[in-house]
């Protein structure tokens, strides 16, 4: 599958270009904000605070943003956020033009813009499977990485040029225009929204259910762990590249731009090669290959202070970074059901951004204490440690999982209808299993365990009747009656149904199901 195939989808193409405009505008905004405070007393502190105000909202607000995106119409949410961002950016441009923005007010506006971006990311990511076919999700993820790298390359360069010619206010105004463009594209898109859930989730329980799903989804946990193990050491390049250019290679601002361009060119090359690599390599082999390439780049940067060598390995590092990150992002998209997609992707964003933030902090301190060479060699050692864990902690996401909703449980037949907040609920499913099928049945039931826990159960167990060896029961606890009804009404998927059918095929006759409510 061609990496550029998703761009043939008109809606994806328009939205991708709009996101690119927004990303470029965000980088320009960062340059303008940093230039606005560069002449202040203690400028280094203010510049770092601008960067922190840009990235902190992702860590603070991604999970709430994902919860909103799963509970509301995602297109309308995105449209409202872009209009809000336009108002904030336009207000900042006007106040800056009137010379009314000091550093504290600038930090407030920067934080508000970062908060809007944090609200945008989960909704945009969760919409992609609605726009492109399932077999193009890997290409769409690669294009997302290309989008980010193009913006990283073009945004600071354009922002610096505009600031030099027209001042920070002009950059802030163009950032406002980028949000207006995104809002216009969203307004023109006539999305056919999926039917609303029968029982809309309240914000607090929905936030909890998103983290609960991640906790009990083995596929998601392994993907997040692999992202952490790669991004934490890999962030050393992104955080210390200016020092590599200046101290390691004796280059100026133009040279730093060349190094950034090498990273971006490598990422674009990775997008072109990704379809072929995906066919040839399993996820774990791709992890080993990209990790080995990235480790080599770190060692060369540490030990070979020559411009040509560093440019070459930075291109290779950009390729490896793009391949690994886009592959893990695509794996997340393929294993997630729609009901929790934005929340789980928000957790992915928190892990990714958090790994970069912690890595930047750690590698900066290590470089201050021990120098660049020791820092890059330490990062390379940490990367190798992560690669050694692939054998004992493989990823192997089940990307053929059927994530479409499957409503196959019958309605509970009760004499009295419990209140939605009543609970806990103990669900007991009793099977009769012959002795020759008992081992296979137990193995199938253990596979079903993850389904129960992902969709709302907090505890699960298998029990045998000592008075009748053929009676085996599973029992699981759900916090409230409302949570159990959600299992009936759309949280289960085709894969959950298939797992349950495998269990029932090994039982002698249909199971007996009972619901027990906790007594206050």
Protein backbone atom coordinates (compact mmCIF):
# COMPACT_ATOMS: atom_id res chain seq x y z
CA UNK A 1 0.00 0.00 0.00
CA UNK A 2 1.37 3.41 -1.05
CA UNK A 3 2.10 5.71 1.91
CA UNK A 4 0.49 8.58 -0.01
CA UNK A 5 -2.72 6.65 -0.77
CA UNK A 6 -4.74 8.30 2.06
CA UNK A 7 -4.19 11.68 0.38
CA UNK A 8 -6.39 10.45 -2.48
CA UNK A 9 -9.30 10.63 -0.02
CA UNK A 10 -10.59 14.23 -0.46
CA UNK A 11 -11.64 14.68 3.16
CA UNK A 12 -8.37 13.32 4.55
CA UNK A 13 -6.38 15.47 2.11
CA UNK A 14 -8.18 18.67 3.13
CA UNK A 15 -7.87 17.92 6.84
CA UNK A 16 -4.22 16.85 6.52
CA UNK A 17 -3.36 20.14 4.82
CA UNK A 18 -5.32 22.04 7.45
CA UNK A 19 -3.45 20.23 10.24
CA UNK A 20 -0.17 21.03 8.46
CA UNK A 21 -1.10 24.71 8.39
CA UNK A 22 -1.94 24.55 12.10
CA UNK A 23 1.32 22.78 12.97
CA UNK A 24 3.38 25.30 10.97
CA UNK A 25 1.50 28.10 12.71
CA UNK A 26 2.24 26.57 16.12
CA UNK A 27 5.98 26.43 15.41
CA UNK A 28 5.89 30.01 14.14
CA UNK A 29 4.03 31.02 17.29
CA UNK A 30 6.74 29.42 19.46
CA UNK A 31 9.49 31.31 17.60
CA UNK A 32 7.59 34.58 17.90
CA UNK A 33 6.92 34.07 21.60
CA UNK A 34 10.55 33.22 22.34
CA UNK A 35 11.76 36.24 20.37
CA UNK A 36 9.31 38.45 22.24
CA UNK A 37 11.03 37.63 25.57
CA UNK A 38 14.61 37.21 24.37
CA UNK A 39 15.52 40.79 25.34
CA UNK A 40 13.96 40.58 28.81
CA UNK A 41 16.12 40.35 31.94
CA UNK A 42 16.80 36.64 32.68
CA UNK A 43 15.83 35.83 29.10
CA UNK A 44 16.94 32.18 29.35
CA UNK A 45 14.33 31.53 32.04
CA UNK A 46 11.55 33.20 30.06
CA UNK A 47 12.45 31.31 26.88
CA UNK A 48 12.34 27.97 28.71
CA UNK A 49 9.02 28.93 30.32
CA UNK A 50 7.58 29.63 26.87
CA UNK A 51 8.54 26.11 25.79
CA UNK A 52 7.08 24.65 28.99
CA UNK A 53 3.82 26.58 28.52
CA UNK A 54 3.57 25.12 25.01
CA UNK A 55 4.06 21.46 25.99
CA UNK A 56 2.65 21.25 29.53
CA UNK A 57 -1.02 21.36 28.40
CA UNK A 58 -0.55 18.09 26.49
CA UNK A 59 0.48 16.33 29.69
CA UNK A 60 -2.24 18.00 31.75
CA UNK A 61 -5.20 17.98 29.37
CA UNK A 62 -4.75 15.12 26.88
CA UNK A 63 -6.77 12.62 28.96
CA UNK A 64 -9.69 14.99 29.61
CA UNK A 65 -9.55 15.96 25.92
CA UNK A 66 -9.74 12.31 24.88
CA UNK A 67 -12.70 11.78 27.19
CA UNK A 68 -14.54 14.70 25.60
CA UNK A 69 -13.71 13.41 22.11
CA UNK A 70 -15.22 9.99 22.91
CA UNK A 71 -18.37 11.54 24.37
CA UNK A 72 -19.09 14.38 21.91
CA UNK A 73 -19.32 14.81 18.14
CA UNK A 74 -15.63 14.94 17.23
CA UNK A 75 -16.02 17.24 14.22
CA UNK A 76 -18.04 19.77 16.21
CA UNK A 77 -15.58 19.58 19.10
CA UNK A 78 -12.67 20.23 16.75
CA UNK A 79 -14.54 23.09 15.08
CA UNK A 80 -15.29 24.75 18.42
CA UNK A 81 -11.69 24.38 19.58
CA UNK A 82 -10.30 25.90 16.35
CA UNK A 83 -12.63 28.88 16.64
CA UNK A 84 -11.50 29.35 20.24
CA UNK A 85 -7.85 29.12 19.20
CA UNK A 86 -8.46 31.68 16.46
CA UNK A 87 -9.90 34.11 19.03
CA UNK A 88 -6.95 33.60 21.41
CA UNK A 89 -4.29 33.93 18.69
CA UNK A 90 -5.98 36.97 17.17
CA UNK A 91 -6.24 38.62 20.58
CA UNK A 92 -2.55 37.97 21.21
CA UNK A 93 -1.66 39.47 17.81
CA UNK A 94 -3.67 42.63 18.48
CA UNK A 95 -2.31 43.13 22.01
CA UNK A 96 1.26 42.52 20.82
CA UNK A 97 0.81 45.05 18.01
CA UNK A 98 -0.36 47.57 20.65
CA UNK A 99 2.70 46.68 22.78
CA UNK A 100 0.50 45.57 25.69
CA UNK A 101 1.89 42.05 26.16
CA UNK A 102 4.51 41.48 28.85
CA UNK A 103 6.12 38.11 29.58
CA UNK A 104 3.51 36.91 32.15
CA UNK A 105 0.59 37.67 29.80
CA UNK A 106 2.46 36.06 26.92
CA UNK A 107 2.87 32.88 28.97
CA UNK A 108 -0.89 32.85 29.67
CA UNK A 109 -1.74 33.16 25.98
CA UNK A 110 0.85 30.50 25.12
CA UNK A 111 -0.65 28.12 27.67
CA UNK A 112 -4.15 28.70 26.28
CA UNK A 113 -2.93 27.95 22.76
CA UNK A 114 -1.19 24.81 24.02
CA UNK A 115 -4.42 23.77 25.75
CA UNK A 116 -6.27 24.12 22.46
CA UNK A 117 -3.69 21.96 20.72
CA UNK A 118 -4.04 19.36 23.48
CA UNK A 119 -7.81 19.30 22.85
CA UNK A 120 -7.20 18.96 19.10
CA UNK A 121 -4.84 15.97 19.05
CA UNK A 122 -7.07 13.14 20.38
CA UNK A 123 -10.09 14.22 18.32
CA UNK A 124 -8.09 14.42 15.09
CA UNK A 125 -6.39 11.07 15.69
CA UNK A 126 -9.69 9.38 16.56
CA UNK A 127 -11.35 10.69 13.37
CA UNK A 128 -8.77 9.16 11.01
CA UNK A 129 -10.29 5.62 10.95
CA UNK A 130 -13.60 7.18 9.87
CA UNK A 131 -11.94 8.91 6.91
CA UNK A 132 -9.57 6.30 5.45
CA UNK A 133 -10.05 2.54 4.95
CA UNK A 134 -8.55 0.21 7.54
CA UNK A 135 -5.81 -0.97 5.14
CA UNK A 136 -4.62 2.65 4.77
CA UNK A 137 -4.28 3.42 8.48
CA UNK A 138 -0.55 2.66 8.45
CA UNK A 139 -0.09 5.12 5.57
CA UNK A 140 -2.18 7.72 7.38
CA UNK A 141 0.01 7.34 10.48
CA UNK A 142 3.15 7.76 8.35
CA UNK A 143 1.66 10.88 6.80
CA UNK A 144 1.00 12.19 10.30
CA UNK A 145 4.72 11.87 11.03
CA UNK A 146 5.56 13.56 7.72
CA UNK A 147 3.17 16.37 8.65
CA UNK A 148 4.92 16.90 11.98
CA UNK A 149 8.41 16.87 10.46
CA UNK A 150 7.48 19.23 7.63
CA UNK A 151 6.04 21.65 10.17
CA UNK A 152 9.11 21.30 12.39
CA UNK A 153 11.35 22.15 9.43
CA UNK A 154 9.27 24.92 7.84
CA UNK A 155 7.66 26.53 10.89
CA UNK A 156 10.73 27.80 12.77
CA UNK A 157 12.42 28.94 9.54
CA UNK A 158 9.34 30.84 8.35
CA UNK A 159 8.70 32.19 11.83
CA UNK A 160 12.25 33.49 12.19
CA UNK A 161 12.10 35.20 8.79
CA UNK A 162 8.75 36.86 9.50
CA UNK A 163 9.80 37.98 12.98
CA UNK A 164 12.94 39.55 11.49
CA UNK A 165 10.94 41.40 8.82
CA UNK A 166 7.65 42.28 10.56
CA UNK A 167 7.92 41.45 14.28
CA UNK A 168 6.20 38.91 16.56
CA UNK A 169 2.70 40.36 16.05
CA UNK A 170 2.74 39.30 12.40
CA UNK A 171 3.62 35.70 13.38
CA UNK A 172 0.82 35.62 15.93
CA UNK A 173 -1.63 36.89 13.31
CA UNK A 174 -0.59 34.20 10.82
CA UNK A 175 -1.04 31.58 13.55
CA UNK A 176 -4.61 32.85 13.97
CA UNK A 177 -5.13 32.49 10.20
CA UNK A 178 -3.95 28.85 10.37
CA UNK A 179 -6.67 28.09 12.94
CA UNK A 180 -9.25 29.85 10.79
CA UNK A 181 -8.24 27.67 7.83
CA UNK A 182 -8.67 24.50 9.89
CA UNK A 183 -12.07 25.71 11.13
CA UNK A 184 -13.18 26.48 7.55
CA UNK A 185 -12.25 22.98 6.36
CA UNK A 186 -14.11 21.41 9.29
CA UNK A 187 -17.17 23.57 8.61
CA UNK A 188 -17.25 22.45 4.95
CA UNK A 189 -16.94 18.75 5.88
CA UNK A 190 -20.36 17.15 6.00
CA UNK A 191 -19.50 14.25 8.27
CA UNK A 192 -22.05 11.49 8.79
CA UNK A 193 -21.70 11.11 12.53
CA UNK A 194 -22.26 7.68 14.10
CA UNK A 195 -25.47 7.33 16.11
CA UNK A 196 -25.11 8.62 19.67
CA UNK A 197 -24.82 5.99 22.42
CA UNK A 198 -28.02 4.94 24.13
CA UNK A 199 -26.55 6.00 27.43
CA UNK A 200 -24.12 8.96 27.24
CA UNK A 201 -21.21 8.59 29.65
CA UNK A 202 -20.64 11.07 32.42
CA UNK A 203 -17.25 12.74 32.34
CA UNK A 204 -15.76 11.32 35.54
CA UNK A 205 -16.64 7.66 34.94
CA UNK A 206 -15.70 8.01 31.25
CA UNK A 207 -12.24 9.29 32.19
CA UNK A 208 -11.80 6.36 34.56
CA UNK A 209 -13.03 3.85 31.98
CA UNK A 210 -10.45 5.07 29.45
CA UNK A 211 -7.51 4.49 31.79
CA UNK A 212 -9.10 1.21 32.92
CA UNK A 213 -9.21 -0.01 29.32
CA UNK A 214 -5.54 0.82 28.80
CA UNK A 215 -4.63 -0.94 32.04
CA UNK A 216 -6.27 -4.20 30.99
CA UNK A 217 -5.46 -4.20 27.27
CA UNK A 218 -2.28 -6.21 26.78
CA UNK A 219 -1.85 -4.91 23.21
CA UNK A 220 -2.07 -1.27 24.29
CA UNK A 221 0.25 -1.72 27.28
CA UNK A 222 2.95 -3.32 25.14
CA UNK A 223 2.71 -0.58 22.51
CA UNK A 224 2.99 2.16 25.14
CA UNK A 225 5.92 0.41 26.79
CA UNK A 226 7.77 0.18 23.50
CA UNK A 227 7.15 3.89 22.76
CA UNK A 228 8.54 4.76 26.20
CA UNK A 229 11.65 2.59 25.72
CA UNK A 230 12.38 4.17 22.33
CA UNK A 231 11.42 7.82 22.83
CA UNK A 232 13.09 8.29 26.24
CA UNK A 233 16.64 7.62 24.95
CA UNK A 234 15.81 8.84 21.43
CA UNK A 235 14.78 12.29 22.66
CA UNK A 236 18.43 13.11 23.30
CA UNK A 237 18.84 14.12 19.65
CA UNK A 238 15.83 16.45 19.63
CA UNK A 239 16.75 18.09 22.94
CA UNK A 240 20.51 18.51 22.45
CA UNK A 241 20.80 19.04 18.69
CA UNK A 242 21.46 22.81 19.06
CA UNK A 243 24.43 21.97 21.33
CA UNK A 244 25.65 19.34 18.86
CA UNK A 245 25.61 21.99 16.12
CA UNK A 246 27.31 24.70 18.18
CA UNK A 247 29.66 22.89 20.55
CA UNK A 248 30.24 19.57 18.81
CA UNK A 249 30.51 20.76 15.20
CA UNK A 250 31.23 24.49 15.54
CA UNK A 251 28.22 25.42 13.37
CA UNK A 252 26.00 28.47 13.53
CA UNK A 253 22.25 28.91 13.06
CA UNK A 254 22.47 27.94 9.38
CA UNK A 255 24.26 24.75 10.31
CA UNK A 256 21.61 23.92 12.89
CA UNK A 257 19.02 24.33 10.15
CA UNK A 258 20.94 21.84 8.00
CA UNK A 259 20.89 19.27 10.82
CA UNK A 260 17.14 19.74 11.30
CA UNK A 261 16.64 19.38 7.55
CA UNK A 262 18.55 16.08 7.61
CA UNK A 263 16.22 14.74 10.29
CA UNK A 264 13.16 15.87 8.31
CA UNK A 265 14.46 14.40 5.04
CA UNK A 266 15.03 11.08 6.77
CA UNK A 267 11.46 11.11 8.10
CA UNK A 268 10.03 11.71 4.62
CA UNK A 269 12.18 8.88 3.24
CA UNK A 270 10.87 6.65 6.00
CA UNK A 271 7.31 7.41 4.95
CA UNK A 272 8.12 6.36 1.39
CA UNK A 273 9.75 3.12 2.52
CA UNK A 274 7.21 2.25 5.22
CA UNK A 275 4.77 0.18 3.10
CA UNK A 276 7.53 -2.13 1.88
CA UNK A 277 9.11 -2.40 5.32
CA UNK A 278 5.72 -3.20 6.86
CA UNK A 279 5.34 -6.12 4.45
CA UNK A 280 8.83 -7.49 5.16
CA UNK A 281 9.18 -6.99 8.92
CA UNK A 282 7.01 -7.90 11.88
CA UNK A 283 6.56 -5.18 14.54
CA UNK A 284 9.25 -6.71 16.76
CA UNK A 285 11.76 -6.99 13.90
CA UNK A 286 11.00 -3.39 12.97
CA UNK A 287 11.64 -2.35 16.57
CA UNK A 288 15.02 -4.09 16.55
CA UNK A 289 15.96 -2.65 13.15
CA UNK A 290 14.99 0.95 13.91
CA UNK A 291 16.55 0.74 17.37
CA UNK A 292 19.82 -0.52 15.90
CA UNK A 293 19.89 2.30 13.34
CA UNK A 294 19.10 4.91 15.99
CA UNK A 295 21.74 3.51 18.37
CA UNK A 296 24.34 3.70 15.60
CA UNK A 297 23.40 7.34 14.98
CA UNK A 298 23.83 8.17 18.68
CA UNK A 299 27.27 6.54 18.78
CA UNK A 300 28.44 8.33 15.61
CA UNK A 301 27.26 11.70 16.93
CA UNK A 302 29.21 11.03 20.14
CA UNK A 303 32.43 9.76 18.59
CA UNK A 304 32.70 11.22 15.06
CA UNK A 305 32.48 15.05 15.21
CA UNK A 306 32.42 15.51 11.43
CA UNK A 307 29.61 17.40 9.72
CA UNK A 308 29.13 14.96 6.84
CA UNK A 309 28.97 11.95 9.15
CA UNK A 310 26.54 13.61 11.55
CA UNK A 311 24.26 14.79 8.72
CA UNK A 312 24.19 11.26 7.29
CA UNK A 313 23.33 9.56 10.58
CA UNK A 314 20.74 12.23 11.43
CA UNK A 315 18.93 11.37 8.20
CA UNK A 316 19.06 7.70 9.21
CA UNK A 317 17.83 8.59 12.71
CA UNK A 318 14.92 10.59 11.27
CA UNK A 319 13.99 7.60 9.13
CA UNK A 320 14.14 5.20 12.12
CA UNK A 321 12.21 7.59 14.38
CA UNK A 322 9.44 8.05 11.83
CA UNK A 323 9.15 4.32 11.11
CA UNK A 324 8.93 3.29 14.76
CA UNK A 325 6.58 6.06 15.88
CA UNK A 326 4.23 5.77 12.90
CA UNK A 327 4.21 1.96 13.21
CA UNK A 328 3.23 2.09 16.88
CA UNK A 329 0.62 4.78 16.15
CA UNK A 330 -0.88 2.63 13.41
CA UNK A 331 -0.89 -0.38 15.73
CA UNK A 332 -2.85 1.66 18.30
CA UNK A 333 -5.40 2.68 15.67
CA UNK A 334 -5.86 -0.94 14.55
CA UNK A 335 -6.40 -2.51 17.98
CA UNK A 336 -8.72 0.12 19.50
CA UNK A 337 -12.54 0.03 19.41
CA UNK A 338 -14.29 3.28 18.62
CA UNK A 339 -15.94 3.71 22.04
CA UNK A 340 -12.59 4.31 23.76
CA UNK A 341 -10.36 5.30 20.82
CA UNK A 342 -9.76 8.97 21.67
CA UNK A 343 -9.09 8.24 25.36
CA UNK A 344 -6.55 5.52 24.60
CA UNK A 345 -4.88 7.69 21.96
CA UNK A 346 -4.73 10.49 24.55
CA UNK A 347 -2.84 8.12 26.87
CA UNK A 348 -0.50 7.42 23.93
CA UNK A 349 0.06 11.18 23.52
CA UNK A 350 0.79 11.57 27.24
CA UNK A 351 3.34 8.73 27.16
CA UNK A 352 4.95 10.10 24.00
CA UNK A 353 5.08 13.74 25.11
CA UNK A 354 6.00 12.77 28.67
CA UNK A 355 8.89 10.62 27.45
CA UNK A 356 10.17 13.53 25.38
CA UNK A 357 9.79 16.01 28.25
CA UNK A 358 11.45 13.77 30.82
CA UNK A 359 14.15 12.83 28.32
CA UNK A 360 14.90 16.48 27.55
CA UNK A 361 15.19 17.26 31.26
CA UNK A 362 17.37 14.22 32.04
CA UNK A 363 19.69 14.52 29.03
CA UNK A 364 20.12 18.23 29.60
CA UNK A 365 21.26 17.61 33.18
CA UNK A 366 23.54 14.75 32.13
CA UNK A 367 25.11 16.89 29.40
CA UNK A 368 25.72 19.73 31.87
CA UNK A 369 27.47 17.35 34.26
CA UNK A 370 29.34 14.98 31.92
CA UNK A 371 29.39 16.55 28.44
CA UNK A 372 27.80 15.70 25.10
CA UNK A 373 29.87 12.61 24.30
CA UNK A 374 29.02 10.82 27.55
CA UNK A 375 25.37 11.81 27.23
CA UNK A 376 24.93 10.37 23.75
CA UNK A 377 26.75 7.17 24.72
CA UNK A 378 24.50 6.82 27.79
CA UNK A 379 21.42 7.27 25.60
CA UNK A 380 22.77 4.65 23.17
CA UNK A 381 23.26 2.21 26.07
CA UNK A 382 19.67 2.79 27.23
CA UNK A 383 18.41 2.21 23.69
CA UNK A 384 20.29 -1.10 23.51
CA UNK A 385 18.79 -2.16 26.84
CA UNK A 386 15.34 -1.57 25.38
CA UNK A 387 16.19 -3.68 22.34
CA UNK A 388 17.32 -6.56 24.55
CA UNK A 389 13.89 -6.54 26.19
CA UNK A 390 12.13 -7.25 22.88
CA UNK A 391 12.76 -10.99 23.28
CA UNK A 392 11.24 -11.15 26.76
CA UNK A 393 8.61 -8.42 26.18
CA UNK A 394 7.50 -8.61 22.52
CA UNK A 395 4.88 -6.28 21.12
CA UNK A 396 3.06 -8.46 18.53
CA UNK A 397 -0.19 -6.43 18.47
CA UNK A 398 -3.21 -8.37 17.21
CA UNK A 399 -4.01 -5.96 14.40
CA UNK A 400 -6.50 -8.34 12.81
CA UNK A 401 -8.74 -7.89 15.83
CA UNK A 402 -12.37 -7.14 14.88
CA UNK A 403 -13.00 -3.82 16.65
CA UNK A 404 -16.49 -3.19 15.25
CA UNK A 405 -19.23 -2.99 17.92
CA UNK A 406 -21.07 -6.26 18.53
CA UNK A 407 -24.26 -6.26 20.61
CA UNK A 408 -24.80 -9.98 21.24
CA UNK A 409 -25.64 -10.27 24.93
CA UNK A 410 -29.36 -10.65 25.66
CA UNK A 411 -31.10 -8.09 27.83
CA UNK A 412 -31.00 -9.10 31.52
CA UNK A 413 -34.43 -10.35 32.67
CA UNK A 414 -34.99 -8.99 36.18
CA UNK A 415 -38.01 -8.67 38.43
CA UNK A 416 -36.96 -5.21 39.57
CA UNK A 417 -34.86 -2.73 37.61
CA UNK A 418 -31.80 -1.59 39.59
CA UNK A 419 -30.77 2.04 39.71
CA UNK A 420 -27.96 3.00 37.38
CA UNK A 421 -25.64 3.85 40.29
CA UNK A 422 -26.48 0.68 42.20
CA UNK A 423 -23.62 -1.75 42.66
CA UNK A 424 -21.30 -3.46 42.71
CA UNK A 425 -22.68 -6.06 40.32
CA UNK A 426 -21.44 -9.65 40.49
CA UNK A 427 -22.00 -11.43 37.17
CA UNK A 428 -21.73 -15.21 37.37
CA UNK A 429 -21.69 -17.40 34.26
CA UNK A 430 -21.94 -21.14 34.99
CA UNK A 431 -20.96 -23.74 32.39
CA UNK A 432 -21.10 -27.53 32.27
CA UNK A 433 -17.87 -28.93 30.78
CA UNK A 434 -16.87 -32.55 30.22
CA UNK A 435 -13.57 -33.80 31.65
CA UNK A 436 -11.93 -34.19 28.22
CA UNK A 437 -12.72 -30.54 27.32
CA UNK A 438 -11.85 -29.04 30.71
CA UNK A 439 -8.24 -28.04 29.91
CA UNK A 440 -9.09 -26.43 26.55
CA UNK A 441 -12.13 -24.75 28.11
CA UNK A 442 -10.08 -23.21 30.92
CA UNK A 443 -7.51 -21.89 28.42
CA UNK A 444 -10.29 -20.31 26.33
CA UNK A 445 -11.85 -18.81 29.44
CA UNK A 446 -8.54 -17.21 30.42
CA UNK A 447 -8.43 -15.54 26.99
CA UNK A 448 -11.92 -14.18 27.67
CA UNK A 449 -10.71 -12.65 30.94
CA UNK A 450 -9.09 -9.67 29.17
CA UNK A 451 -12.35 -8.89 27.38
CA UNK A 452 -14.29 -8.74 30.66
CA UNK A 453 -11.68 -6.49 32.29
CA UNK A 454 -11.21 -4.16 29.29
CA UNK A 455 -14.92 -3.42 29.06
CA UNK A 456 -15.58 -2.59 32.71
CA UNK A 457 -14.98 -5.47 35.13
CA UNK A 458 -12.67 -4.74 38.04
CA UNK A 459 -12.15 -8.31 39.26
CA UNK A 460 -12.48 -11.70 37.55
CA UNK A 461 -12.01 -15.33 38.55
CA UNK A 462 -12.69 -18.99 37.64
CA UNK A 463 -14.39 -21.34 40.10
CA UNK A 464 -15.17 -25.08 40.17
CA UNK A 465 -18.04 -26.76 42.03
CA UNK A 466 -16.50 -29.34 44.44
CA UNK A 467 -19.80 -31.25 44.43
CA UNK A 468 -19.88 -31.57 40.62
CA UNK A 469 -16.58 -31.68 38.70
CA UNK A 470 -18.27 -30.71 35.43
CA UNK A 471 -19.51 -27.36 36.74
CA UNK A 472 -17.13 -24.46 36.09
CA UNK A 473 -18.09 -20.82 36.64
CA UNK A 474 -16.55 -17.48 35.82
CA UNK A 475 -17.46 -14.53 37.99
CA UNK A 476 -16.58 -10.89 37.56
CA UNK A 477 -17.35 -7.70 39.42
CA UNK A 478 -18.55 -4.50 37.74
CA UNK A 479 -18.72 -1.25 39.80
CA UNK A 480 -22.29 -0.21 38.90
CA UNK A 481 -25.33 -1.43 37.04
CA UNK A 482 -24.81 1.34 34.50
CA UNK A 483 -21.31 0.04 33.71
CA UNK A 484 -22.69 -3.45 33.15
CA UNK A 485 -25.39 -2.12 30.82
CA UNK A 486 -22.66 -0.47 28.74
CA UNK A 487 -21.17 -3.93 28.21
CA UNK A 488 -24.54 -4.99 26.82
CA UNK A 489 -25.01 -1.90 24.66
CA UNK A 490 -21.86 -1.41 22.57
CA UNK A 491 -18.58 -1.84 24.41
CA UNK A 492 -18.13 -5.40 23.18
CA UNK A 493 -16.60 -5.98 19.76
CA UNK A 494 -16.52 -8.70 17.13
CA UNK A 495 -13.33 -10.07 18.70
CA UNK A 496 -15.02 -10.23 22.11
CA UNK A 497 -17.90 -12.14 20.54
CA UNK A 498 -15.49 -14.58 18.86
CA UNK A 499 -13.69 -15.19 22.19
CA UNK A 500 -17.00 -15.90 23.90
CA UNK A 501 -18.08 -18.25 21.11
CA UNK A 502 -14.87 -20.27 21.54
CA UNK A 503 -15.68 -20.72 25.21
CA UNK A 504 -19.29 -21.72 24.62
CA UNK A 505 -18.32 -24.19 21.89
CA UNK A 506 -16.40 -26.19 24.49
CA UNK A 507 -19.27 -26.26 26.98
CA UNK A 508 -22.06 -28.83 27.08
CA UNK A 509 -25.08 -26.64 26.52
CA UNK A 510 -25.75 -22.94 27.10
CA UNK A 511 -24.42 -21.28 30.27
CA UNK A 512 -26.56 -20.11 33.17
CA UNK A 513 -26.10 -16.38 33.83
CA UNK A 514 -26.97 -14.62 37.08
CA UNK A 515 -26.61 -11.04 38.27
CA UNK A 516 -26.08 -10.31 41.97
CA UNK A 517 -26.25 -6.79 43.35
CA UNK A 518 -24.30 -5.65 46.37
CA UNK A 519 -26.35 -4.97 49.48
CA UNK A 520 -25.76 -1.46 50.91
